C-alpha cells in the first residue's frame, strides 16, 4: 500500500480480466509463493461429485503476475468486488469452513520498485485445498470438471494462452495441458 494507492496482485484470471478500474498495471514478481492448480472446484469448474481444479497461490517458489494500482478513493468498491470474486460463499461449503483464500499483504518486486500488495493466498487447511496431486490425478480432475462457469479444461487452456500472451512462462501448467490432451 502507498499513501494514495492500494496494490493488488493478479496471478490468474485477474491478470487479463481484472474487472475493476486501475491507475497502473505492471509486471510483478512475488517470492515465497507459486501459481498452482491446487483447489478443488465444486461450483465454477466442477461439482461435488465431479470436481475440477482451479488456481491458487500456494506456499513456496515464486510467481510472476501483474500488479494493479487502485486509487484509494476507489478502493472500498474494488475491495468489495475482489472479496466477492475471490472469496464467495460457495453452495455446499459450510460457512464455518470459510473461504479457500486468505487475503494477505505481501511484498512484490516491480521493474522499478517494490510495493506491498493484496494477495489472495490459498488456505492449506481448507477442505477444497487439493495439496500436491500427481500429474495423472490433476489431468483426470481437469478432464472431468464442469461447473457453472464452464469446464476445468477450458480454464486451464485459457490460463495457459493468456500467460503465453503476457510473456509469463509456466512450465507446470504447459505440461499439465499436454497431459490433459
Protein backbone atom coordinates (compact mmCIF):
# COMPACT_ATOMS: atom_id res chain seq x y z
CA UNK A 1 0.00 0.00 0.00
CA UNK A 2 1.19 3.52 -0.73
CA UNK A 3 -0.31 6.74 0.56
CA UNK A 4 -2.59 7.30 -2.43
CA UNK A 5 -2.86 3.83 -3.98
CA UNK A 6 -3.57 0.25 -2.98
CA UNK A 7 -1.86 -2.54 -4.94
CA UNK A 8 -3.43 -5.88 -5.90
CA UNK A 9 -1.55 -8.92 -7.26
CA UNK A 10 -3.07 -10.97 -10.07
CA UNK A 11 -1.64 -14.43 -10.83
CA UNK A 12 -4.60 -15.99 -12.67
CA UNK A 13 -7.63 -14.55 -14.42
CA UNK A 14 -7.21 -11.20 -12.64
CA UNK A 15 -4.20 -10.62 -14.92
CA UNK A 16 -6.27 -10.45 -18.10
CA UNK A 17 -9.72 -9.82 -16.66
CA UNK A 18 -9.35 -7.69 -13.53
CA UNK A 19 -12.90 -6.35 -13.64
CA UNK A 20 -12.01 -3.11 -11.83
CA UNK A 21 -10.61 0.30 -12.71
CA UNK A 22 -6.91 0.72 -12.02
CA UNK A 23 -4.48 3.62 -12.33
CA UNK A 24 -1.47 1.49 -13.21
CA UNK A 25 -0.51 -2.08 -14.04
CA UNK A 26 2.98 -3.54 -14.00
CA UNK A 27 4.70 -6.92 -14.27
CA UNK A 28 5.35 -8.23 -10.77
CA UNK A 29 7.29 -10.98 -9.04
CA UNK A 30 6.17 -12.50 -5.75
CA UNK A 31 8.68 -14.58 -3.80
CA UNK A 32 7.60 -17.33 -1.42
CA UNK A 33 4.50 -18.44 -3.36
CA UNK A 34 3.74 -20.10 -6.69
CA UNK A 35 0.77 -20.46 -9.03
CA UNK A 36 -0.76 -23.95 -8.85
CA UNK A 37 -3.92 -25.83 -9.76
CA UNK A 38 -4.43 -26.78 -6.12
CA UNK A 39 -8.08 -26.01 -5.39
CA UNK A 40 -10.96 -28.42 -5.92
CA UNK A 41 -13.73 -26.56 -7.74
CA UNK A 42 -17.22 -27.68 -6.72
CA UNK A 43 -19.09 -24.79 -8.30
CA UNK A 44 -17.42 -22.78 -11.08
CA UNK A 45 -15.37 -25.52 -12.79
CA UNK A 46 -16.77 -28.70 -11.28
CA UNK A 47 -19.30 -30.22 -8.88
CA UNK A 48 -19.13 -32.11 -5.59
CA UNK A 49 -19.43 -35.41 -7.47
CA UNK A 50 -17.01 -34.42 -10.24
CA UNK A 51 -14.72 -31.64 -9.01
CA UNK A 52 -12.44 -29.71 -11.31
CA UNK A 53 -9.29 -27.79 -10.40
CA UNK A 54 -8.65 -24.04 -10.29
CA UNK A 55 -5.64 -21.90 -9.46
CA UNK A 56 -4.40 -20.95 -6.05
CA UNK A 57 -1.38 -19.07 -4.80
CA UNK A 58 0.43 -21.72 -2.75
CA UNK A 59 3.49 -21.66 -0.49
CA UNK A 60 6.97 -21.99 -1.93
CA UNK A 61 8.82 -20.83 -5.01
CA UNK A 62 7.94 -17.63 -6.83
CA UNK A 63 5.19 -16.35 -9.09
CA UNK A 64 5.19 -13.87 -11.96
CA UNK A 65 1.98 -11.92 -12.40
CA UNK A 66 0.54 -8.44 -12.77
CA UNK A 67 0.27 -5.79 -10.06
CA UNK A 68 -2.60 -3.32 -10.28
CA UNK A 69 -2.61 0.06 -8.53
CA UNK A 70 -6.02 1.26 -7.39
CA UNK A 71 -6.61 4.85 -6.31
CA UNK A 72 -7.59 4.96 -2.64
CA UNK A 73 -10.82 6.79 -3.45
CA UNK A 74 -11.93 3.72 -5.45
CA UNK A 75 -10.59 1.12 -3.01
CA UNK A 76 -13.77 0.42 -0.97
CA UNK A 77 -15.76 -0.70 -4.04
CA UNK A 78 -12.78 -2.52 -5.61
CA UNK A 79 -12.06 -4.32 -2.34
CA UNK A 80 -15.71 -5.41 -2.03
CA UNK A 81 -15.66 -6.62 -5.66
CA UNK A 82 -12.43 -8.59 -5.13
CA UNK A 83 -13.67 -10.23 -1.94
CA UNK A 84 -16.92 -11.25 -3.67
CA UNK A 85 -14.95 -12.63 -6.64
CA UNK A 86 -12.13 -14.35 -4.76
CA UNK A 87 -13.90 -15.35 -1.54
CA UNK A 88 -17.52 -16.08 -2.49
CA UNK A 89 -19.99 -18.09 -0.47
CA UNK A 90 -19.98 -21.42 -2.33
CA UNK A 91 -23.09 -23.61 -2.30
CA UNK A 92 -22.42 -26.84 -0.44
CA UNK A 93 -19.47 -25.46 1.54
CA UNK A 94 -20.44 -24.99 5.20
CA UNK A 95 -19.94 -21.36 6.31
CA UNK A 96 -17.76 -22.49 9.22
CA UNK A 97 -15.18 -23.77 6.73
CA UNK A 98 -14.77 -20.22 5.48
CA UNK A 99 -13.17 -19.04 2.29
CA UNK A 100 -10.50 -21.02 0.46
CA UNK A 101 -8.35 -17.88 0.14
CA UNK A 102 -6.78 -15.76 2.83
CA UNK A 103 -6.12 -12.13 1.90
CA UNK A 104 -2.57 -11.09 2.78
CA UNK A 105 -0.39 -8.04 2.27
CA UNK A 106 2.83 -9.26 0.62
CA UNK A 107 5.87 -7.62 -0.95
CA UNK A 108 6.11 -7.58 -4.75
CA UNK A 109 9.05 -6.66 -6.96
CA UNK A 110 8.05 -4.43 -9.88
CA UNK A 111 10.53 -3.46 -12.62
CA UNK A 112 11.39 -0.16 -10.90
CA UNK A 113 10.39 -0.58 -7.24
CA UNK A 114 8.94 -2.77 -4.50
CA UNK A 115 5.33 -2.45 -3.36
CA UNK A 116 3.10 -4.16 -0.84
CA UNK A 117 0.03 -5.70 -2.44
CA UNK A 118 -3.13 -7.54 -1.52
CA UNK A 119 -2.67 -11.21 -2.48
CA UNK A 120 -5.26 -13.96 -2.13
CA UNK A 121 -3.32 -16.98 -0.80
CA UNK A 122 -4.76 -20.49 -0.57
CA UNK A 123 -5.59 -21.76 2.92
CA UNK A 124 -3.88 -25.13 3.14
CA UNK A 125 -6.18 -26.37 5.89
CA UNK A 126 -9.32 -25.79 3.84
CA UNK A 127 -11.19 -28.90 2.57
CA UNK A 128 -11.02 -27.59 -1.03
CA UNK A 129 -7.21 -27.47 -0.93
CA UNK A 130 -6.02 -30.42 -3.02
CA UNK A 131 -2.40 -30.35 -1.98
CA UNK A 132 0.15 -31.59 -4.46
CA UNK A 133 -1.55 -34.11 -6.72
CA UNK A 134 0.16 -36.44 -9.18
CA UNK A 135 0.15 -35.19 -12.79
CA UNK A 136 -2.21 -38.03 -13.76
CA UNK A 137 -4.69 -37.19 -10.97
CA UNK A 138 -4.57 -33.48 -11.84
CA UNK A 139 -5.22 -34.30 -15.51
CA UNK A 140 -8.15 -36.56 -14.57
CA UNK A 141 -9.77 -33.81 -12.49
CA UNK A 142 -9.22 -31.20 -15.21
CA UNK A 143 -10.76 -33.51 -17.82
CA UNK A 144 -13.87 -34.24 -15.72
CA UNK A 145 -14.56 -30.84 -14.15
CA UNK A 146 -17.52 -28.87 -15.47
CA UNK A 147 -19.42 -26.29 -13.46
CA UNK A 148 -21.36 -23.05 -13.58
CA UNK A 149 -18.53 -21.14 -15.33
CA UNK A 150 -17.53 -23.88 -17.77
CA UNK A 151 -15.04 -26.73 -17.86
CA UNK A 152 -11.83 -27.08 -15.93
CA UNK A 153 -10.14 -27.96 -19.25
CA UNK A 154 -11.21 -24.62 -20.78
CA UNK A 155 -9.99 -22.81 -17.66
CA UNK A 156 -6.55 -24.43 -17.98
CA UNK A 157 -6.40 -23.83 -21.75
CA UNK A 158 -7.36 -20.16 -21.37
CA UNK A 159 -4.95 -19.67 -18.48
CA UNK A 160 -2.00 -21.06 -20.46
CA UNK A 161 -2.94 -19.00 -23.55
CA UNK A 162 -3.17 -15.79 -21.53
CA UNK A 163 0.08 -16.47 -19.67
CA UNK A 164 1.79 -17.03 -23.03
CA UNK A 165 0.31 -13.79 -24.42
CA UNK A 166 1.61 -11.90 -21.38
CA UNK A 167 5.06 -13.48 -21.75
CA UNK A 168 4.81 -15.26 -18.40
CA UNK A 169 6.31 -18.76 -18.57
CA UNK A 170 4.68 -21.52 -16.53
CA UNK A 171 6.15 -24.92 -17.36
CA UNK A 172 3.99 -26.99 -14.98
CA UNK A 173 0.73 -25.66 -16.46
CA UNK A 174 2.00 -26.30 -20.01
CA UNK A 175 2.95 -29.86 -19.04
CA UNK A 176 -0.46 -30.47 -17.49
CA UNK A 177 -2.23 -29.10 -20.57
CA UNK A 178 -0.28 -31.55 -22.76
CA UNK A 179 -1.22 -34.40 -20.41
CA UNK A 180 -4.90 -33.40 -20.43
CA UNK A 181 -4.82 -33.58 -24.25
